């Protein structure tokens, strides 16, 4: 109690406490700490050369990985195209008129069968 009385009493303590709380509150909301944190982040990024590392990763992705993936896809597409051409060559070289006419007849029979199936509950018939 003598200490409180010596510094001006409880009102003085209340005023000092209010000033401290206001100062802390203003310090938090003023953005000073945010600038401090941002400056520390920038300093650490600069120290670890982060920008150059990101540029390296991006360059590797676009120049190496993307090119490799594109070439792989292009090779696969070319292989598929060559298989398709070979298959069509085989069909042209080994065609059988009777076999083709039989397949056409089977397709027409299937179409006729499917056309005559009544759709239940709709009353619709194509």
N, C-alpha and C. Protein backbone atom coordinates (compact mmCIF):
# COMPACT_ATOMS: atom_id res chain seq x y z
N UNK A 1 0.80 -1.20 0.00
CA UNK A 1 0.00 0.00 0.00
C UNK A 1 0.85 1.27 0.00
N UNK A 2 1.96 1.31 0.79
CA UNK A 2 2.75 2.53 0.76
C UNK A 2 3.30 2.81 -0.63
N UNK A 3 3.60 1.71 -1.41
CA UNK A 3 4.11 1.90 -2.77
C UNK A 3 3.05 2.54 -3.65
N UNK A 4 1.80 2.05 -3.56
CA UNK A 4 0.70 2.61 -4.34
C UNK A 4 0.49 4.07 -3.98
N UNK A 5 0.55 4.37 -2.68
CA UNK A 5 0.38 5.75 -2.24
C UNK A 5 1.53 6.62 -2.72
N UNK A 6 2.73 6.05 -2.77
CA UNK A 6 3.91 6.82 -3.16
C UNK A 6 3.87 7.19 -4.64
N UNK A 7 3.28 6.36 -5.46
CA UNK A 7 3.26 6.65 -6.90
C UNK A 7 2.01 7.42 -7.31
N UNK A 8 1.15 7.76 -6.37
CA UNK A 8 0.02 8.61 -6.70
C UNK A 8 -1.32 7.98 -6.42
N UNK A 9 -1.36 6.78 -5.95
CA UNK A 9 -2.63 6.17 -5.57
C UNK A 9 -3.20 5.26 -6.65
N UNK A 10 -4.37 4.66 -6.33
CA UNK A 10 -4.98 3.71 -7.26
C UNK A 10 -5.40 4.34 -8.57
N UNK A 11 -5.75 5.60 -8.58
CA UNK A 11 -6.16 6.25 -9.82
C UNK A 11 -4.97 6.31 -10.78
N UNK A 12 -3.81 6.60 -10.25
CA UNK A 12 -2.60 6.64 -11.08
C UNK A 12 -2.31 5.25 -11.66
N UNK A 13 -2.45 4.21 -10.85
CA UNK A 13 -2.26 2.84 -11.36
C UNK A 13 -3.26 2.53 -12.46
N UNK A 14 -4.50 2.95 -12.30
CA UNK A 14 -5.54 2.70 -13.30
C UNK A 14 -5.19 3.43 -14.60
N UNK A 15 -4.73 4.66 -14.49
CA UNK A 15 -4.36 5.43 -15.68
C UNK A 15 -3.18 4.78 -16.39
N UNK A 16 -2.18 4.36 -15.63
CA UNK A 16 -1.01 3.68 -16.23
C UNK A 16 -1.44 2.39 -16.92
N UNK A 17 -2.31 1.60 -16.26
CA UNK A 17 -2.79 0.35 -16.85
C UNK A 17 -3.59 0.63 -18.11
N UNK A 18 -4.41 1.67 -18.11
CA UNK A 18 -5.20 2.03 -19.29
C UNK A 18 -4.29 2.44 -20.43
N UNK A 19 -3.25 3.21 -20.11
CA UNK A 19 -2.30 3.63 -21.16
C UNK A 19 -1.58 2.42 -21.74
N UNK A 20 -1.15 1.50 -20.90
CA UNK A 20 -0.47 0.29 -21.38
C UNK A 20 -1.38 -0.55 -22.27
N UNK A 21 -2.63 -0.76 -21.83
CA UNK A 21 -3.58 -1.56 -22.62
C UNK A 21 -3.86 -0.87 -23.94
N UNK A 22 -4.05 0.45 -23.90
CA UNK A 22 -4.30 1.19 -25.14
C UNK A 22 -3.10 1.10 -26.07
N UNK A 23 -1.91 1.22 -25.53
CA UNK A 23 -0.70 1.12 -26.35
C UNK A 23 -0.54 -0.25 -26.99
N UNK A 24 -0.79 -1.28 -26.24
CA UNK A 24 -0.71 -2.65 -26.79
C UNK A 24 -1.77 -2.86 -27.86
N UNK A 25 -3.00 -2.42 -27.57
CA UNK A 25 -4.11 -2.57 -28.51
C UNK A 25 -3.80 -1.82 -29.80
N UNK A 26 -3.31 -0.58 -29.68
CA UNK A 26 -2.96 0.21 -30.86
C UNK A 26 -1.81 -0.44 -31.63
N UNK A 27 -0.85 -0.97 -30.90
CA UNK A 27 0.29 -1.62 -31.54
C UNK A 27 -0.12 -2.84 -32.34
N UNK A 28 -1.06 -3.59 -31.81
CA UNK A 28 -1.53 -4.79 -32.52
C UNK A 28 -2.32 -4.41 -33.76
N UNK A 29 -3.21 -3.42 -33.62
CA UNK A 29 -4.09 -3.05 -34.72
C UNK A 29 -3.46 -2.11 -35.73
N UNK A 30 -2.36 -1.48 -35.40
CA UNK A 30 -1.76 -0.50 -36.31
C UNK A 30 -1.04 -1.15 -37.48
N UNK A 31 -0.74 -2.43 -37.40
CA UNK A 31 -0.06 -3.10 -38.51
C UNK A 31 1.45 -3.09 -38.39
N UNK A 32 1.97 -2.53 -37.33
CA UNK A 32 3.41 -2.51 -37.16
C UNK A 32 3.99 -3.90 -37.08
N UNK A 33 3.32 -4.77 -36.40
CA UNK A 33 3.82 -6.15 -36.29
C UNK A 33 3.72 -6.87 -37.62
N UNK A 34 2.72 -6.47 -38.42
CA UNK A 34 2.59 -7.11 -39.73
C UNK A 34 3.75 -6.73 -40.64
N UNK A 35 4.12 -5.47 -40.59
CA UNK A 35 5.27 -5.03 -41.39
C UNK A 35 6.53 -5.74 -40.93
N UNK A 36 6.66 -5.88 -39.63
CA UNK A 36 7.84 -6.55 -39.08
C UNK A 36 7.91 -8.00 -39.56
N UNK A 37 6.79 -8.69 -39.49
CA UNK A 37 6.75 -10.09 -39.94
C UNK A 37 7.02 -10.17 -41.44
N UNK A 38 6.42 -9.25 -42.20
CA UNK A 38 6.63 -9.25 -43.65
C UNK A 38 8.10 -9.02 -43.99
N UNK A 39 8.74 -8.09 -43.29
CA UNK A 39 10.16 -7.82 -43.54
C UNK A 39 11.02 -9.04 -43.21
N UNK A 40 10.67 -9.74 -42.12
CA UNK A 40 11.43 -10.95 -41.76
C UNK A 40 11.24 -12.03 -42.83
N UNK A 41 10.01 -12.17 -43.35
CA UNK A 41 9.77 -13.16 -44.40
C UNK A 41 10.58 -12.84 -45.65
N UNK A 42 10.57 -11.59 -46.04
CA UNK A 42 11.33 -11.19 -47.23
C UNK A 42 12.82 -11.44 -47.01
N UNK A 43 13.30 -11.12 -45.82
CA UNK A 43 14.72 -11.34 -45.51
C UNK A 43 15.07 -12.82 -45.60
N UNK A 44 14.21 -13.69 -45.05
CA UNK A 44 14.47 -15.14 -45.12
C UNK A 44 14.39 -15.65 -46.55
N UNK A 45 13.41 -15.14 -47.33
CA UNK A 45 13.32 -15.54 -48.74
C UNK A 45 14.59 -15.14 -49.48
N UNK A 46 15.06 -13.92 -49.22
CA UNK A 46 16.29 -13.46 -49.88
C UNK A 46 17.49 -14.30 -49.46
N UNK A 47 17.54 -14.63 -48.17
CA UNK A 47 18.68 -15.40 -47.66
C UNK A 47 18.72 -16.80 -48.29
N UNK A 48 17.54 -17.42 -48.48
CA UNK A 48 17.51 -18.78 -49.04
C UNK A 48 17.38 -18.77 -50.56
N UNK A 49 17.42 -17.57 -51.17
CA UNK A 49 17.35 -17.44 -52.62
C UNK A 49 16.11 -18.13 -53.19
N UNK A 50 14.98 -17.89 -52.55
CA UNK A 50 13.72 -18.56 -52.90
C UNK A 50 13.26 -18.23 -54.32
N UNK A 51 13.41 -16.98 -54.74
CA UNK A 51 12.95 -16.59 -56.07
C UNK A 51 13.66 -17.40 -57.16
N UNK A 52 14.96 -17.54 -57.04
CA UNK A 52 15.71 -18.32 -58.03
C UNK A 52 15.29 -19.79 -58.01
N UNK A 53 15.02 -20.31 -56.82
CA UNK A 53 14.57 -21.70 -56.72
C UNK A 53 13.22 -21.88 -57.40
N UNK A 54 12.28 -20.95 -57.15
CA UNK A 54 10.97 -21.03 -57.81
C UNK A 54 11.11 -20.94 -59.32
N UNK A 55 11.94 -20.00 -59.78
CA UNK A 55 12.18 -19.87 -61.21
C UNK A 55 12.74 -21.17 -61.79
N UNK A 56 13.64 -21.80 -61.05
CA UNK A 56 14.20 -23.07 -61.51
C UNK A 56 13.16 -24.16 -61.62
N UNK A 57 12.29 -24.26 -60.60
CA UNK A 57 11.23 -25.27 -60.64
C UNK A 57 10.26 -25.02 -61.79
N UNK A 58 9.90 -23.76 -61.99
CA UNK A 58 8.96 -23.41 -63.07
C UNK A 58 9.59 -23.71 -64.42
N UNK A 59 10.84 -23.33 -64.60
CA UNK A 59 11.53 -23.59 -65.87
C UNK A 59 11.63 -25.09 -66.13
N UNK A 60 11.98 -25.84 -65.10
CA UNK A 60 12.08 -27.30 -65.27
C UNK A 60 10.73 -27.88 -65.67
N UNK A 61 9.65 -27.40 -65.03
CA UNK A 61 8.33 -27.91 -65.36
C UNK A 61 7.98 -27.64 -66.81
N UNK A 62 8.12 -26.37 -67.23
CA UNK A 62 7.70 -26.01 -68.57
C UNK A 62 8.66 -26.50 -69.65
N UNK A 63 9.93 -26.44 -69.39
CA UNK A 63 10.89 -26.79 -70.43
C UNK A 63 11.18 -28.27 -70.51
N UNK A 64 11.21 -28.95 -69.37
CA UNK A 64 11.59 -30.37 -69.39
C UNK A 64 10.38 -31.28 -69.23
N UNK A 65 9.66 -31.12 -68.13
CA UNK A 65 8.57 -32.05 -67.83
C UNK A 65 7.45 -31.98 -68.87
N UNK A 66 7.06 -30.76 -69.25
CA UNK A 66 5.97 -30.60 -70.21
C UNK A 66 6.40 -31.11 -71.58
N UNK A 67 7.62 -30.83 -71.97
CA UNK A 67 8.12 -31.31 -73.26
C UNK A 67 8.17 -32.83 -73.29
N UNK A 68 8.64 -33.42 -72.22
CA UNK A 68 8.70 -34.89 -72.14
C UNK A 68 7.30 -35.50 -72.22
N UNK A 69 6.37 -34.92 -71.46
CA UNK A 69 4.99 -35.44 -71.48
C UNK A 69 4.37 -35.29 -72.86
N UNK A 70 4.59 -34.15 -73.52
CA UNK A 70 4.04 -33.93 -74.85
C UNK A 70 4.62 -34.93 -75.85
N UNK A 71 5.94 -35.13 -75.80
CA UNK A 71 6.58 -36.07 -76.72
C UNK A 71 6.08 -37.49 -76.49
N UNK A 72 5.89 -37.87 -75.24
CA UNK A 72 5.37 -39.20 -74.94
C UNK A 72 3.97 -39.38 -75.51
N UNK A 73 3.11 -38.37 -75.30
CA UNK A 73 1.75 -38.43 -75.83
C UNK A 73 1.75 -38.45 -77.36
N UNK A 74 2.61 -37.66 -77.97
CA UNK A 74 2.69 -37.63 -79.44
C UNK A 74 3.16 -38.97 -79.98
N UNK A 75 4.12 -39.59 -79.32
CA UNK A 75 4.60 -40.91 -79.76
C UNK A 75 3.49 -41.96 -79.64
N UNK A 76 2.74 -41.90 -78.54
CA UNK A 76 1.64 -42.87 -78.35
C UNK A 76 0.58 -42.66 -79.42
N UNK A 77 0.27 -41.41 -79.73
CA UNK A 77 -0.74 -41.14 -80.75
C UNK A 77 -0.26 -41.60 -82.13
N UNK A 78 1.01 -41.40 -82.41
CA UNK A 78 1.55 -41.86 -83.69
C UNK A 78 1.51 -43.38 -83.79
N UNK A 79 1.86 -44.07 -82.70
CA UNK A 79 1.80 -45.53 -82.69
C UNK A 79 0.37 -46.02 -82.93
N UNK A 80 -0.59 -45.38 -82.28
CA UNK A 80 -2.00 -45.76 -82.47
C UNK A 80 -2.43 -45.51 -83.91
N UNK A 81 -1.99 -44.39 -84.48
CA UNK A 81 -2.32 -44.08 -85.86
C UNK A 81 -1.73 -45.13 -86.81
N UNK A 82 -0.50 -45.53 -86.58
CA UNK A 82 0.12 -46.55 -87.44
C UNK A 82 -0.59 -47.89 -87.32
N UNK A 83 -1.03 -48.24 -86.08
CA UNK A 83 -1.81 -49.48 -85.92
C UNK A 83 -3.13 -49.40 -86.67
N UNK A 84 -3.78 -48.24 -86.63
CA UNK A 84 -5.05 -48.07 -87.34
C UNK A 84 -4.85 -48.19 -88.84
N UNK A 85 -3.78 -47.59 -89.36
CA UNK A 85 -3.49 -47.69 -90.80
C UNK A 85 -3.23 -49.14 -91.19
N UNK A 86 -2.45 -49.83 -90.37
CA UNK A 86 -2.14 -51.24 -90.66
C UNK A 86 -3.41 -52.08 -90.64
N UNK A 87 -4.28 -51.81 -89.68
CA UNK A 87 -5.56 -52.54 -89.60
C UNK A 87 -6.40 -52.29 -90.85
N UNK A 88 -6.45 -51.04 -91.31
CA UNK A 88 -7.23 -50.74 -92.51
C UNK A 88 -6.60 -51.36 -93.76
N UNK A 89 -5.28 -51.41 -93.80
CA UNK A 89 -4.61 -52.08 -94.93
C UNK A 89 -5.00 -53.57 -94.96
N UNK A 90 -5.01 -54.19 -93.77
CA UNK A 90 -5.39 -55.60 -93.70
C UNK A 90 -6.82 -55.80 -94.18
N UNK A 91 -7.71 -54.89 -93.76
CA UNK A 91 -9.11 -55.00 -94.20
C UNK A 91 -9.24 -54.85 -95.70
N UNK A 92 -8.48 -53.92 -96.29
CA UNK A 92 -8.54 -53.72 -97.74
C UNK A 92 -7.94 -54.90 -98.50
N UNK A 93 -6.85 -55.42 -98.00
CA UNK A 93 -6.17 -56.50 -98.72
C UNK A 93 -6.88 -57.85 -98.56
N UNK A 94 -7.63 -58.02 -97.50
CA UNK A 94 -8.23 -59.33 -97.23
C UNK A 94 -9.76 -59.27 -97.18
N UNK A 95 -10.35 -58.36 -97.94
CA UNK A 95 -11.81 -58.25 -97.86
C UNK A 95 -12.47 -59.44 -98.54
N UNK A 96 -13.64 -59.79 -98.04
CA UNK A 96 -14.44 -60.89 -98.58
C UNK A 96 -15.85 -60.36 -98.78
N UNK A 97 -16.30 -60.30 -100.02
CA UNK A 97 -17.61 -59.72 -100.34
C UNK A 97 -18.71 -60.48 -99.62
N UNK A 98 -18.64 -61.79 -99.60
CA UNK A 98 -19.69 -62.58 -98.94
C UNK A 98 -19.73 -62.28 -97.44
N UNK A 99 -18.56 -62.12 -96.82
CA UNK A 99 -18.51 -61.81 -95.40
C UNK A 99 -19.11 -60.43 -95.12
N UNK A 100 -18.79 -59.45 -95.98
CA UNK A 100 -19.33 -58.11 -95.80
C UNK A 100 -20.85 -58.13 -95.96
N UNK A 101 -21.36 -58.85 -96.96
CA UNK A 101 -22.82 -58.93 -97.17
C UNK A 101 -23.50 -59.65 -95.99
N UNK A 102 -22.85 -60.66 -95.43
CA UNK A 102 -23.40 -61.35 -94.26
C UNK A 102 -23.48 -60.40 -93.06
N UNK A 103 -22.43 -59.60 -92.86
CA UNK A 103 -22.44 -58.65 -91.74
C UNK A 103 -23.50 -57.57 -91.92
N UNK A 104 -23.72 -57.13 -93.16
CA UNK A 104 -24.78 -56.15 -93.44
C UNK A 104 -26.14 -56.76 -93.13
N UNK A 105 -26.36 -58.02 -93.52
CA UNK A 105 -27.63 -58.71 -93.26
C UNK A 105 -27.87 -58.85 -91.76
N UNK A 106 -26.82 -59.23 -91.02
CA UNK A 106 -26.94 -59.36 -89.56
C UNK A 106 -27.29 -58.02 -88.92
N UNK A 107 -26.67 -56.94 -89.41
CA UNK A 107 -26.95 -55.62 -88.87
C UNK A 107 -28.39 -55.20 -89.17
N UNK A 108 -28.87 -55.49 -90.40
CA UNK A 108 -30.25 -55.16 -90.73
C UNK A 108 -31.24 -55.97 -89.90
N UNK A 109 -30.93 -57.26 -89.68
CA UNK A 109 -31.80 -58.10 -88.84
C UNK A 109 -31.86 -57.57 -87.41
N UNK A 110 -30.73 -57.15 -86.88
CA UNK A 110 -30.69 -56.60 -85.52
C UNK A 110 -31.49 -55.31 -85.45
N UNK A 111 -31.35 -54.46 -86.47
CA UNK A 111 -32.11 -53.21 -86.51
C UNK A 111 -33.61 -53.50 -86.56
N UNK A 112 -34.00 -54.45 -87.36
CA UNK A 112 -35.42 -54.82 -87.46
C UNK A 112 -35.94 -55.36 -86.13
N UNK A 113 -35.14 -56.21 -85.49
CA UNK A 113 -35.53 -56.78 -84.20
C UNK A 113 -35.72 -55.68 -83.15
N UNK A 114 -34.73 -54.77 -83.07
CA UNK A 114 -34.80 -53.70 -82.08
C UNK A 114 -35.93 -52.72 -82.38
N UNK A 115 -36.24 -52.50 -83.65
CA UNK A 115 -37.32 -51.58 -84.02
C UNK A 115 -38.68 -52.12 -83.63
N UNK A 116 -38.83 -53.44 -83.57
CA UNK A 116 -40.13 -54.05 -83.28
C UNK A 116 -40.33 -54.35 -81.79
N UNK A 117 -39.39 -53.97 -80.95
CA UNK A 117 -39.57 -54.17 -79.51
C UNK A 117 -40.44 -53.03 -78.97
N UNK A 118 -41.59 -53.38 -78.38
CA UNK A 118 -42.43 -52.32 -77.82
C UNK A 118 -41.80 -51.78 -76.54
N UNK A 119 -41.87 -50.47 -76.38
CA UNK A 119 -41.39 -49.85 -75.15
C UNK A 119 -42.50 -49.92 -74.13
N UNK A 120 -42.26 -50.53 -72.99
CA UNK A 120 -43.32 -50.75 -72.01
C UNK A 120 -43.79 -49.43 -71.41
N UNK A 121 -45.08 -49.26 -71.37
CA UNK A 121 -45.71 -48.13 -70.69
C UNK A 121 -45.74 -46.85 -71.49
N UNK A 122 -45.05 -46.76 -72.58
CA UNK A 122 -45.03 -45.48 -73.30
C UNK A 122 -45.97 -45.51 -74.50
N UNK A 123 -46.26 -46.66 -75.02
CA UNK A 123 -47.10 -46.74 -76.20
C UNK A 123 -46.36 -46.28 -77.44
N UNK A 124 -45.10 -46.02 -77.33
CA UNK A 124 -44.29 -45.54 -78.45
C UNK A 124 -43.63 -46.71 -79.16
N UNK A 125 -43.68 -46.69 -80.47
CA UNK A 125 -43.04 -47.73 -81.27
C UNK A 125 -42.39 -47.03 -82.46
N UNK A 126 -41.07 -47.23 -82.62
CA UNK A 126 -40.40 -46.56 -83.76
C UNK A 126 -40.44 -47.41 -84.98
